[in-house]
Every structure is written in C-alpha cells, then in structure tokens.
Amino acid sequence: MITMTGMETMIPSGGWFSTRFRVRFAETDAAGIVHNSVYLVWFEEGRSELSRQLGMPYSALEEAGVELLLTRSEVRYLKAVRYDEEVEIRTRAAVLKSRAMTFEYQAVRVADGVLAATGTTEHLAVSKINGRPVRIPEPFFSSWKRAADAAAR
C-alpha cells in the first residue's frame, strides 16, 4: 500500500517546483559549455524533485510495480550554461491522463536569471512485471493532478 506523505504540500505559483545545483565539469564539452545531452538528465532530476516535494518519491512508484517510460522528449536550447554556474531547474506537471503524463521544464542561470533552455517530456505508466500500460496508481495520480491543475491556472 502506498501512503501519501505530501497531502498538505503547497503547490508553488504556476505549479513550478525547483531544484538548484552547480554545473559539474563532466557535464561540459571542450569549450566548457554544458553538453546538450545533459539537459535531459537535469530534467529527470527535476521530475524526481517535484515528486519528492509532493511527498511521493519515484522510488515509491517503483515499489508499487510501476515505471514511467519516456515516450517523447523535446529540448529548446536558448542560451549557454557553463562550468560552475548555478542552475535552477523548474519542473511542473503539465498534462495528466490515467496512464500518461507530460512534464514541462525551464533551465535558468541563477546568477542573471536568464532562461537557458525549455523542454517537455511525455511518459507512459507501465507494469514493471510485463511492461504493459497501467493506470497511474493512487495517491500519485491525485498528487500529480493537484500539481497539473495548479499549472493550468
């Protein structure tokens, strides 16, 4: 049985949850600029943090026998981010269906507030046992629905 620990969690304005970190050297190319592939890793951390802040960590979803498979991703690169700069990844649940969901992202350079990249990912809930689509289990669905509803306002 899954228990919801974040039932009273306040949803931030616009539904955006955030996490911050510094760019590691290994995330950059020879010019010291963040490699394009790293943004999807950052977006994954954003999704994980959103779920943790809602009191529903991804690990509990996996313990319930459900995985969220990535079915589509898109990144729009706007400005460079460099080694050792602090980055804020903003994430929100944008669309929620019974078996699928979409997240939206913003990567912001903290020092100057510049929007460096935007993106979306789409996911399908599947059984860890047989890989077939399944409904997103409660209380994840309710928790993410609150976040998606806040984003829609």
N, C-alpha and C. Protein backbone atom coordinates (compact mmCIF):
# COMPACT_ATOMS: atom_id res chain seq x y z
N MET A 1 0.83 -1.18 0.00
CA MET A 1 0.00 0.00 0.00
C MET A 1 0.87 1.25 0.00
N ILE A 2 0.53 2.21 -0.82
CA ILE A 2 1.26 3.46 -0.90
C ILE A 2 0.58 4.48 -0.01
N THR A 3 1.37 5.18 0.78
CA THR A 3 0.80 6.25 1.60
C THR A 3 1.30 7.59 1.09
N MET A 4 0.43 8.56 1.14
CA MET A 4 0.79 9.89 0.67
C MET A 4 1.33 10.70 1.83
N THR A 5 2.59 11.10 1.74
CA THR A 5 3.18 11.89 2.81
C THR A 5 3.08 13.38 2.56
N GLY A 6 2.76 13.78 1.33
CA GLY A 6 2.75 15.20 1.00
C GLY A 6 1.38 15.76 0.73
N MET A 7 0.35 15.18 1.33
CA MET A 7 -1.01 15.59 1.04
C MET A 7 -1.25 17.08 1.24
N GLU A 8 -0.60 17.69 2.23
CA GLU A 8 -0.81 19.10 2.53
C GLU A 8 0.23 19.99 1.85
N THR A 9 1.03 19.44 0.96
CA THR A 9 2.07 20.21 0.29
C THR A 9 1.47 21.36 -0.47
N MET A 10 2.04 22.54 -0.27
CA MET A 10 1.63 23.72 -1.03
C MET A 10 2.21 23.62 -2.43
N ILE A 11 1.38 23.91 -3.42
CA ILE A 11 1.85 23.91 -4.80
C ILE A 11 2.36 25.32 -5.11
N PRO A 12 3.60 25.45 -5.60
CA PRO A 12 4.14 26.77 -5.90
C PRO A 12 3.35 27.48 -7.01
N SER A 13 3.49 28.78 -7.06
CA SER A 13 2.82 29.59 -8.08
C SER A 13 3.12 29.06 -9.47
N GLY A 14 2.08 28.90 -10.27
CA GLY A 14 2.24 28.38 -11.62
C GLY A 14 2.53 26.90 -11.68
N GLY A 15 2.59 26.25 -10.52
CA GLY A 15 2.86 24.82 -10.49
C GLY A 15 4.31 24.44 -10.66
N TRP A 16 5.22 25.45 -10.67
CA TRP A 16 6.64 25.18 -10.89
C TRP A 16 7.33 24.79 -9.59
N PHE A 17 7.94 23.62 -9.58
CA PHE A 17 8.79 23.16 -8.49
C PHE A 17 10.24 23.36 -8.96
N SER A 18 11.14 23.63 -8.02
CA SER A 18 12.51 23.89 -8.48
C SER A 18 13.55 23.20 -7.63
N THR A 19 14.69 23.00 -8.25
CA THR A 19 15.88 22.49 -7.59
C THR A 19 17.07 23.20 -8.20
N ARG A 20 18.12 23.40 -7.40
CA ARG A 20 19.32 24.11 -7.87
C ARG A 20 20.56 23.26 -7.66
N PHE A 21 21.53 23.48 -8.54
CA PHE A 21 22.83 22.83 -8.39
C PHE A 21 23.84 23.54 -9.28
N ARG A 22 25.11 23.22 -9.08
CA ARG A 22 26.19 23.79 -9.90
C ARG A 22 26.54 22.83 -11.02
N VAL A 23 26.89 23.40 -12.16
CA VAL A 23 27.32 22.60 -13.31
C VAL A 23 28.65 21.96 -12.99
N ARG A 24 28.69 20.64 -13.15
CA ARG A 24 29.93 19.89 -12.93
C ARG A 24 30.77 19.88 -14.21
N PHE A 25 32.08 19.77 -14.04
CA PHE A 25 32.99 19.76 -15.18
C PHE A 25 32.62 18.66 -16.17
N ALA A 26 32.24 17.49 -15.66
CA ALA A 26 31.91 16.35 -16.53
C ALA A 26 30.68 16.60 -17.40
N GLU A 27 29.90 17.62 -17.08
CA GLU A 27 28.69 17.93 -17.86
C GLU A 27 28.96 18.88 -19.02
N THR A 28 30.22 19.28 -19.18
CA THR A 28 30.55 20.27 -20.21
C THR A 28 31.36 19.66 -21.35
N ASP A 29 31.37 20.40 -22.45
CA ASP A 29 32.17 19.99 -23.61
C ASP A 29 33.55 20.66 -23.51
N ALA A 30 34.34 20.54 -24.56
CA ALA A 30 35.71 21.08 -24.55
C ALA A 30 35.74 22.60 -24.38
N ALA A 31 34.64 23.28 -24.73
CA ALA A 31 34.58 24.74 -24.59
C ALA A 31 34.06 25.16 -23.22
N GLY A 32 33.76 24.17 -22.35
CA GLY A 32 33.26 24.50 -21.03
C GLY A 32 31.78 24.80 -20.98
N ILE A 33 31.08 24.51 -22.06
CA ILE A 33 29.63 24.74 -22.16
C ILE A 33 28.90 23.42 -21.90
N VAL A 34 27.79 23.48 -21.19
CA VAL A 34 27.02 22.27 -20.88
C VAL A 34 26.63 21.56 -22.18
N HIS A 35 26.91 20.26 -22.24
CA HIS A 35 26.57 19.45 -23.40
C HIS A 35 25.06 19.29 -23.51
N ASN A 36 24.56 19.28 -24.72
CA ASN A 36 23.11 19.22 -24.95
C ASN A 36 22.44 18.02 -24.29
N SER A 37 23.12 16.90 -24.19
CA SER A 37 22.51 15.70 -23.61
C SER A 37 22.26 15.83 -22.12
N VAL A 38 22.96 16.72 -21.46
CA VAL A 38 22.86 16.86 -20.01
C VAL A 38 21.50 17.41 -19.59
N TYR A 39 20.87 18.20 -20.45
CA TYR A 39 19.59 18.80 -20.08
C TYR A 39 18.53 17.75 -19.76
N LEU A 40 18.53 16.64 -20.48
CA LEU A 40 17.56 15.58 -20.17
C LEU A 40 17.84 14.94 -18.81
N VAL A 41 19.10 14.85 -18.44
CA VAL A 41 19.46 14.35 -17.10
C VAL A 41 18.96 15.34 -16.05
N TRP A 42 19.16 16.63 -16.30
CA TRP A 42 18.68 17.64 -15.38
C TRP A 42 17.16 17.61 -15.26
N PHE A 43 16.48 17.39 -16.39
CA PHE A 43 15.01 17.32 -16.36
C PHE A 43 14.56 16.12 -15.52
N GLU A 44 15.28 15.02 -15.62
CA GLU A 44 14.96 13.86 -14.80
C GLU A 44 15.07 14.20 -13.32
N GLU A 45 16.12 14.92 -12.96
CA GLU A 45 16.27 15.34 -11.56
C GLU A 45 15.12 16.27 -11.16
N GLY A 46 14.70 17.12 -12.08
CA GLY A 46 13.55 17.99 -11.81
C GLY A 46 12.28 17.21 -11.53
N ARG A 47 12.02 16.17 -12.33
CA ARG A 47 10.84 15.31 -12.11
C ARG A 47 10.92 14.62 -10.75
N SER A 48 12.10 14.11 -10.45
CA SER A 48 12.28 13.42 -9.16
C SER A 48 12.05 14.38 -8.01
N GLU A 49 12.57 15.59 -8.12
CA GLU A 49 12.42 16.57 -7.05
C GLU A 49 10.96 17.00 -6.92
N LEU A 50 10.27 17.21 -8.02
CA LEU A 50 8.84 17.54 -7.97
C LEU A 50 8.09 16.48 -7.19
N SER A 51 8.34 15.23 -7.49
CA SER A 51 7.65 14.13 -6.80
C SER A 51 8.02 14.08 -5.32
N ARG A 52 9.30 14.28 -5.01
CA ARG A 52 9.71 14.31 -3.61
C ARG A 52 9.01 15.44 -2.86
N GLN A 53 8.96 16.63 -3.48
CA GLN A 53 8.33 17.78 -2.83
C GLN A 53 6.83 17.57 -2.63
N LEU A 54 6.23 16.76 -3.47
CA LEU A 54 4.81 16.41 -3.30
C LEU A 54 4.63 15.28 -2.29
N GLY A 55 5.73 14.73 -1.78
CA GLY A 55 5.65 13.65 -0.82
C GLY A 55 5.49 12.28 -1.45
N MET A 56 5.71 12.19 -2.76
CA MET A 56 5.54 10.95 -3.49
C MET A 56 6.79 10.65 -4.33
N PRO A 57 7.87 10.21 -3.70
CA PRO A 57 9.10 9.97 -4.46
C PRO A 57 8.94 8.86 -5.50
N TYR A 58 9.70 8.99 -6.58
CA TYR A 58 9.67 7.99 -7.64
C TYR A 58 9.93 6.58 -7.11
N SER A 59 10.76 6.48 -6.08
CA SER A 59 11.08 5.16 -5.55
C SER A 59 9.82 4.45 -5.05
N ALA A 60 8.86 5.20 -4.50
CA ALA A 60 7.60 4.60 -4.05
C ALA A 60 6.77 4.12 -5.23
N LEU A 61 6.84 4.83 -6.35
CA LEU A 61 6.13 4.40 -7.56
C LEU A 61 6.71 3.07 -8.05
N GLU A 62 8.03 2.98 -8.05
CA GLU A 62 8.68 1.73 -8.47
C GLU A 62 8.36 0.59 -7.51
N GLU A 63 8.30 0.90 -6.21
CA GLU A 63 7.92 -0.12 -5.23
C GLU A 63 6.49 -0.62 -5.46
N ALA A 64 5.66 0.23 -6.05
CA ALA A 64 4.28 -0.14 -6.37
C ALA A 64 4.21 -0.95 -7.67
N GLY A 65 5.38 -1.19 -8.30
CA GLY A 65 5.41 -2.01 -9.51
C GLY A 65 5.16 -1.24 -10.79
N VAL A 66 5.34 0.09 -10.75
CA VAL A 66 5.05 0.92 -11.92
C VAL A 66 6.28 1.74 -12.29
N GLU A 67 6.55 1.81 -13.59
CA GLU A 67 7.60 2.67 -14.11
C GLU A 67 6.98 3.69 -15.05
N LEU A 68 7.58 4.86 -15.13
CA LEU A 68 7.15 5.85 -16.12
C LEU A 68 8.16 5.83 -17.25
N LEU A 69 7.77 5.25 -18.39
CA LEU A 69 8.65 5.19 -19.55
C LEU A 69 8.62 6.51 -20.29
N LEU A 70 9.78 6.96 -20.71
CA LEU A 70 9.87 8.15 -21.53
C LEU A 70 9.44 7.79 -22.94
N THR A 71 8.42 8.49 -23.46
CA THR A 71 7.94 8.22 -24.81
C THR A 71 8.26 9.34 -25.78
N ARG A 72 8.57 10.53 -25.25
CA ARG A 72 8.90 11.67 -26.10
C ARG A 72 9.64 12.69 -25.26
N SER A 73 10.63 13.34 -25.88
CA SER A 73 11.31 14.44 -25.20
C SER A 73 11.63 15.54 -26.20
N GLU A 74 11.65 16.74 -25.69
CA GLU A 74 11.98 17.90 -26.54
C GLU A 74 12.73 18.91 -25.68
N VAL A 75 13.81 19.45 -26.22
CA VAL A 75 14.57 20.49 -25.54
C VAL A 75 14.80 21.62 -26.53
N ARG A 76 14.56 22.84 -26.07
CA ARG A 76 14.86 24.03 -26.87
C ARG A 76 15.99 24.76 -26.16
N TYR A 77 17.12 24.85 -26.84
CA TYR A 77 18.31 25.46 -26.26
C TYR A 77 18.31 26.95 -26.61
N LEU A 78 18.40 27.80 -25.57
CA LEU A 78 18.29 29.24 -25.79
C LEU A 78 19.59 29.99 -25.52
N LYS A 79 20.24 29.68 -24.42
CA LYS A 79 21.49 30.36 -24.03
C LYS A 79 22.44 29.33 -23.42
N ALA A 80 23.72 29.61 -23.53
CA ALA A 80 24.74 28.70 -22.99
C ALA A 80 24.78 28.75 -21.46
N VAL A 81 25.08 27.59 -20.88
CA VAL A 81 25.37 27.47 -19.46
C VAL A 81 26.77 26.87 -19.37
N ARG A 82 27.57 27.40 -18.45
CA ARG A 82 28.97 26.99 -18.38
C ARG A 82 29.31 26.32 -17.05
N TYR A 83 30.47 25.69 -17.08
CA TYR A 83 31.02 25.02 -15.90
C TYR A 83 30.96 25.94 -14.68
N ASP A 84 30.54 25.38 -13.56
CA ASP A 84 30.50 26.00 -12.23
C ASP A 84 29.41 27.06 -12.07
N GLU A 85 28.60 27.31 -13.09
CA GLU A 85 27.46 28.21 -12.90
C GLU A 85 26.37 27.47 -12.14
N GLU A 86 25.62 28.21 -11.35
CA GLU A 86 24.49 27.61 -10.65
C GLU A 86 23.28 27.64 -11.58
N VAL A 87 22.57 26.51 -11.60
CA VAL A 87 21.41 26.36 -12.47
C VAL A 87 20.19 26.00 -11.63
N GLU A 88 19.06 26.58 -11.98
CA GLU A 88 17.80 26.21 -11.35
C GLU A 88 16.97 25.47 -12.40
N ILE A 89 16.53 24.27 -12.06
CA ILE A 89 15.64 23.52 -12.94
C ILE A 89 14.24 23.63 -12.37
N ARG A 90 13.35 24.22 -13.15
CA ARG A 90 11.95 24.35 -12.76
C ARG A 90 11.16 23.29 -13.52
N THR A 91 10.30 22.61 -12.80
CA THR A 91 9.55 21.50 -13.37
C THR A 91 8.09 21.60 -12.94
N ARG A 92 7.20 21.30 -13.87
CA ARG A 92 5.80 21.22 -13.49
C ARG A 92 5.11 20.10 -14.26
N ALA A 93 4.08 19.54 -13.62
CA ALA A 93 3.24 18.53 -14.26
C ALA A 93 2.26 19.29 -15.14
N ALA A 94 2.31 19.06 -16.44
CA ALA A 94 1.51 19.85 -17.36
C ALA A 94 0.21 19.15 -17.77
N VAL A 95 0.31 17.89 -18.14
CA VAL A 95 -0.86 17.13 -18.60
C VAL A 95 -0.86 15.80 -17.87
N LEU A 96 -2.01 15.43 -17.35
CA LEU A 96 -2.11 14.16 -16.63
C LEU A 96 -3.31 13.39 -17.15
N LYS A 97 -3.05 12.16 -17.59
CA LYS A 97 -4.10 11.24 -18.02
C LYS A 97 -4.00 10.01 -17.13
N SER A 98 -4.91 9.09 -17.27
CA SER A 98 -4.92 7.92 -16.38
C SER A 98 -3.66 7.08 -16.50
N ARG A 99 -3.05 7.04 -17.68
CA ARG A 99 -1.86 6.20 -17.89
C ARG A 99 -0.64 6.97 -18.38
N ALA A 100 -0.78 8.26 -18.58
CA ALA A 100 0.32 9.03 -19.16
C ALA A 100 0.36 10.44 -18.58
N MET A 101 1.54 11.04 -18.69
CA MET A 101 1.65 12.41 -18.24
C MET A 101 2.76 13.13 -18.97
N THR A 102 2.66 14.46 -18.95
CA THR A 102 3.65 15.33 -19.57
C THR A 102 4.17 16.30 -18.53
N PHE A 103 5.49 16.48 -18.52
CA PHE A 103 6.14 17.46 -17.66
C PHE A 103 6.73 18.56 -18.53
N GLU A 104 6.79 19.77 -17.99
CA GLU A 104 7.44 20.90 -18.65
C GLU A 104 8.60 21.36 -17.78
N TYR A 105 9.63 21.93 -18.44
CA TYR A 105 10.85 22.31 -17.73
C TYR A 105 11.36 23.67 -18.19
N GLN A 106 12.07 24.32 -17.28
CA GLN A 106 12.84 25.52 -17.58
C GLN A 106 14.19 25.37 -16.89
N ALA A 107 15.27 25.63 -17.62
CA ALA A 107 16.61 25.67 -17.04
C ALA A 107 17.02 27.13 -17.01
N VAL A 108 17.29 27.65 -15.81
CA VAL A 108 17.57 29.07 -15.62
C VAL A 108 18.95 29.24 -14.99
N ARG A 109 19.76 30.15 -15.57
CA ARG A 109 21.03 30.51 -14.94
C ARG A 109 20.70 31.38 -13.74
N VAL A 110 21.11 30.95 -12.57
CA VAL A 110 20.73 31.65 -11.34
C VAL A 110 21.35 33.04 -11.25
N ALA A 111 22.61 33.20 -11.64
CA ALA A 111 23.31 34.48 -11.47
C ALA A 111 22.62 35.65 -12.16
N ASP A 112 22.08 35.40 -13.36
CA ASP A 112 21.47 36.50 -14.11
C ASP A 112 20.00 36.27 -14.46
N GLY A 113 19.44 35.12 -14.04
CA GLY A 113 18.03 34.84 -14.29
C GLY A 113 17.68 34.53 -15.73
N VAL A 114 18.69 34.29 -16.55
CA VAL A 114 18.46 34.03 -17.97
C VAL A 114 17.91 32.62 -18.18
N LEU A 115 16.86 32.53 -18.99
CA LEU A 115 16.29 31.24 -19.36
C LEU A 115 17.20 30.60 -20.40
N ALA A 116 17.85 29.51 -20.01
CA ALA A 116 18.84 28.86 -20.87
C ALA A 116 18.23 27.79 -21.78
N ALA A 117 17.18 27.11 -21.29
CA ALA A 117 16.55 26.05 -22.09
C ALA A 117 15.14 25.79 -21.56
N THR A 118 14.31 25.29 -22.44
CA THR A 118 12.97 24.83 -22.06
C THR A 118 12.81 23.42 -22.62
N GLY A 119 11.85 22.69 -22.06
CA GLY A 119 11.64 21.35 -22.58
C GLY A 119 10.37 20.71 -22.08
N THR A 120 10.05 19.58 -22.68
CA THR A 120 8.93 18.75 -22.26
C THR A 120 9.34 17.29 -22.37
N THR A 121 8.75 16.48 -21.51
CA THR A 121 8.87 15.03 -21.64
C THR A 121 7.50 14.42 -21.45
N GLU A 122 7.24 13.37 -22.21
CA GLU A 122 5.99 12.62 -22.09
C GLU A 122 6.33 11.22 -21.60
N HIS A 123 5.46 10.69 -20.73
CA HIS A 123 5.73 9.40 -20.09
C HIS A 123 4.48 8.53 -20.09
N LEU A 124 4.71 7.23 -20.16
CA LEU A 124 3.64 6.24 -20.09
C LEU A 124 3.88 5.34 -18.88
N ALA A 125 2.86 5.16 -18.05
CA ALA A 125 2.97 4.27 -16.90
C ALA A 125 2.84 2.83 -17.38
N VAL A 126 3.82 2.01 -16.99
CA VAL A 126 3.80 0.59 -17.37
C VAL A 126 4.11 -0.28 -16.16
N SER A 127 3.66 -1.52 -16.23
CA SER A 127 3.95 -2.50 -15.20
C SER A 127 5.41 -2.90 -15.28
N LYS A 128 6.09 -2.95 -14.12
CA LYS A 128 7.47 -3.41 -14.09
C LYS A 128 7.55 -4.90 -14.41
N ILE A 129 6.46 -5.62 -14.22
CA ILE A 129 6.45 -7.07 -14.43
C ILE A 129 6.37 -7.42 -15.91
N ASN A 130 5.42 -6.81 -16.62
CA ASN A 130 5.22 -7.22 -18.02
C ASN A 130 5.36 -6.09 -19.03
N GLY A 131 5.62 -4.86 -18.57
CA GLY A 131 5.84 -3.75 -19.49
C GLY A 131 4.60 -3.20 -20.16
N ARG A 132 3.44 -3.69 -19.75
CA ARG A 132 2.19 -3.21 -20.36
C ARG A 132 1.70 -1.94 -19.67
N PRO A 133 1.00 -1.08 -20.43
CA PRO A 133 0.46 0.14 -19.83
C PRO A 133 -0.48 -0.16 -18.66
N VAL A 134 -0.37 0.66 -17.62
CA VAL A 134 -1.23 0.54 -16.44
C VAL A 134 -1.66 1.94 -16.03
N ARG A 135 -2.69 1.98 -15.19
CA ARG A 135 -3.11 3.26 -14.63
C ARG A 135 -2.07 3.76 -13.63
N ILE A 136 -1.90 5.06 -13.58
CA ILE A 136 -1.04 5.66 -12.57
C ILE A 136 -1.72 5.42 -11.22
N PRO A 137 -1.04 4.78 -10.29
CA PRO A 137 -1.69 4.43 -9.02
C PRO A 137 -1.97 5.64 -8.13
N GLU A 138 -3.02 5.50 -7.35
CA GLU A 138 -3.26 6.46 -6.28
C GLU A 138 -2.21 6.16 -5.21
N PRO A 139 -1.73 7.10 -4.50
CA PRO A 139 -2.07 8.52 -4.49
C PRO A 139 -1.22 9.37 -5.43
N PHE A 140 -0.37 8.74 -6.27
CA PHE A 140 0.42 9.51 -7.23
C PHE A 140 -0.48 10.32 -8.16
N PHE A 141 -1.52 9.67 -8.66
CA PHE A 141 -2.39 10.36 -9.60
C PHE A 141 -2.96 11.63 -8.97
N SER A 142 -3.51 11.52 -7.77
CA SER A 142 -4.11 12.67 -7.10
C SER A 142 -3.08 13.76 -6.83
N SER A 143 -1.91 13.36 -6.40
CA SER A 143 -0.85 14.31 -6.09
C SER A 143 -0.41 15.06 -7.34
N TRP A 144 -0.12 14.33 -8.41
CA TRP A 144 0.29 14.96 -9.66
C TRP A 144 -0.84 15.76 -10.28
N LYS A 145 -2.09 15.33 -10.07
CA LYS A 145 -3.24 16.07 -10.61
C LYS A 145 -3.33 17.44 -9.96
N ARG A 146 -3.12 17.50 -8.64
CA ARG A 146 -3.12 18.81 -7.97
C ARG A 146 -2.06 19.72 -8.58
N ALA A 147 -0.89 19.17 -8.84
CA ALA A 147 0.20 19.96 -9.42
C ALA A 147 -0.13 20.39 -10.85
N ALA A 148 -0.72 19.49 -11.65
CA ALA A 148 -1.09 19.82 -13.03
C ALA A 148 -2.20 20.86 -13.05
N ASP A 149 -3.15 20.75 -12.14
CA ASP A 149 -4.24 21.73 -12.05
C ASP A 149 -3.68 23.11 -11.71
N ALA A 150 -2.71 23.17 -10.82
CA ALA A 150 -2.08 24.45 -10.46
C ALA A 150 -1.34 25.05 -11.65
N ALA A 151 -0.73 24.20 -12.45
CA ALA A 151 -0.02 24.67 -13.64
C ALA A 151 -0.98 25.23 -14.67
N ALA A 152 -2.18 24.69 -14.73
CA ALA A 152 -3.17 25.12 -15.73
C ALA A 152 -3.81 26.45 -15.37
N ARG A 153 -3.69 26.85 -14.11
CA ARG A 153 -4.31 28.13 -13.69
C ARG A 153 -3.54 29.31 -14.16
